[in-house]
Structures are given as C-alpha cells and as structure tokens.
Amino acid sequence: MNTNKRFILSFVAPFMILISAIGLIFRDNSRKIFYLPIGLMGIVIILEKSISRQLDRKNILKKINSYKKDK
C-alpha cells in the first residue's frame, strides 16, 4: 500500500467519530440513533489499533530480552 493511502486512511476513524458527533448534535431526535453505529465503529477501530500496537511492542521486547539472555 502506498504511503499516501496509509496517511489518508489514518484519518478515517476520527472522521467517523466527527460525523457521528455532528449527526447526534444537529439531527432531530428520531434520526439520532442512526449516527451511533458509525461513531462506535470509529472508537473501536482506534482502540483496536492501540491495543494491537501495545501487544506488538511487548512481543518485540520479549524477543529482545530473550536474545540478551542467550549471550
């Protein structure tokens, strides 16, 4: 995947949350429920990415420490 595409795709989740917030604020009461799923998906995407980064960092640190113990 091209670097420019990755850069643009990194703004998708915050944009989803922004659209959801705007929809919840400015729409009438009967239509507000339709904006909740897009906001929740944006939040889930951000949290999933954050958790996977933390797990990847822990795994890399374990591998580094195992190489240090071998020497």
Protein backbone atom coordinates (compact mmCIF):
# COMPACT_ATOMS: atom_id res chain seq x y z
CA MET A 1 0.00 0.00 0.00
CA ASN A 2 1.27 3.44 -0.87
CA THR A 3 2.36 5.81 1.91
CA ASN A 4 -0.12 8.46 0.78
CA LYS A 5 -3.01 5.97 1.03
CA ARG A 6 -1.96 4.96 4.54
CA PHE A 7 -1.79 8.59 5.57
CA ILE A 8 -5.29 9.26 4.25
CA LEU A 9 -6.72 6.07 5.77
CA SER A 10 -5.38 7.04 9.20
CA PHE A 11 -7.96 9.83 9.28
CA VAL A 12 -10.94 7.58 8.59
CA ALA A 13 -11.70 6.61 12.21
CA PRO A 14 -11.51 10.16 13.63
CA PHE A 15 -13.62 11.34 10.69
CA MET A 16 -16.22 8.67 11.52
CA ILE A 17 -16.36 9.92 15.10
CA LEU A 18 -16.68 13.52 13.90
CA ILE A 19 -19.56 12.66 11.55
CA SER A 20 -21.28 10.80 14.36
CA ALA A 21 -20.91 13.74 16.77
CA ILE A 22 -22.21 16.21 14.21
CA GLY A 23 -25.14 13.94 13.41
CA LEU A 24 -26.01 13.48 17.06
CA ILE A 25 -25.91 17.23 17.70
CA PHE A 26 -27.72 18.60 14.66
CA ARG A 27 -30.31 15.96 13.65
CA ASP A 28 -33.82 15.68 15.03
CA ASN A 29 -34.47 13.20 17.80
CA SER A 30 -35.94 10.48 15.60
CA ARG A 31 -32.82 10.24 13.38
CA LYS A 32 -30.07 10.45 16.01
CA ILE A 33 -29.89 6.69 16.54
CA PHE A 34 -28.54 6.20 13.00
CA TYR A 35 -25.29 8.02 13.89
CA LEU A 36 -24.38 5.84 16.89
CA PRO A 37 -23.02 2.84 14.94
CA ILE A 38 -20.60 4.90 12.87
CA GLY A 39 -19.27 6.61 16.00
CA LEU A 40 -18.90 3.32 17.84
CA MET A 41 -17.05 1.77 14.89
CA GLY A 42 -14.64 4.71 14.82
CA ILE A 43 -13.93 4.28 18.51
CA VAL A 44 -13.48 0.52 18.13
CA ILE A 45 -11.03 0.99 15.23
CA ILE A 46 -8.91 3.39 17.29
CA LEU A 47 -8.95 1.17 20.39
CA GLU A 48 -8.12 -1.96 18.39
CA LYS A 49 -5.16 -0.26 16.74
CA SER A 50 -3.90 0.99 20.11
CA ILE A 51 -4.18 -2.43 21.76
CA SER A 52 -2.50 -4.21 18.86
CA ARG A 53 0.42 -1.75 18.99
CA GLN A 54 0.87 -2.39 22.71
CA LEU A 55 0.85 -6.15 22.20
CA ASP A 56 3.31 -5.89 19.31
CA ARG A 57 5.67 -3.79 21.43
CA LYS A 58 5.51 -6.31 24.29
CA ASN A 59 6.28 -9.17 21.90
CA ILE A 60 9.24 -7.31 20.41
CA LEU A 61 10.57 -6.52 23.88
CA LYS A 62 10.27 -10.21 24.88
CA LYS A 63 12.23 -11.23 21.79
CA ILE A 64 14.94 -8.68 22.51
CA ASN A 65 15.22 -9.82 26.11
CA SER A 66 15.41 -13.47 25.07
CA TYR A 67 18.36 -12.69 22.77
CA LYS A 68 20.11 -10.85 25.61
CA LYS A 69 19.72 -13.84 27.95
CA ASP A 70 21.20 -16.21 25.38
CA LYS A 71 24.50 -14.32 25.30
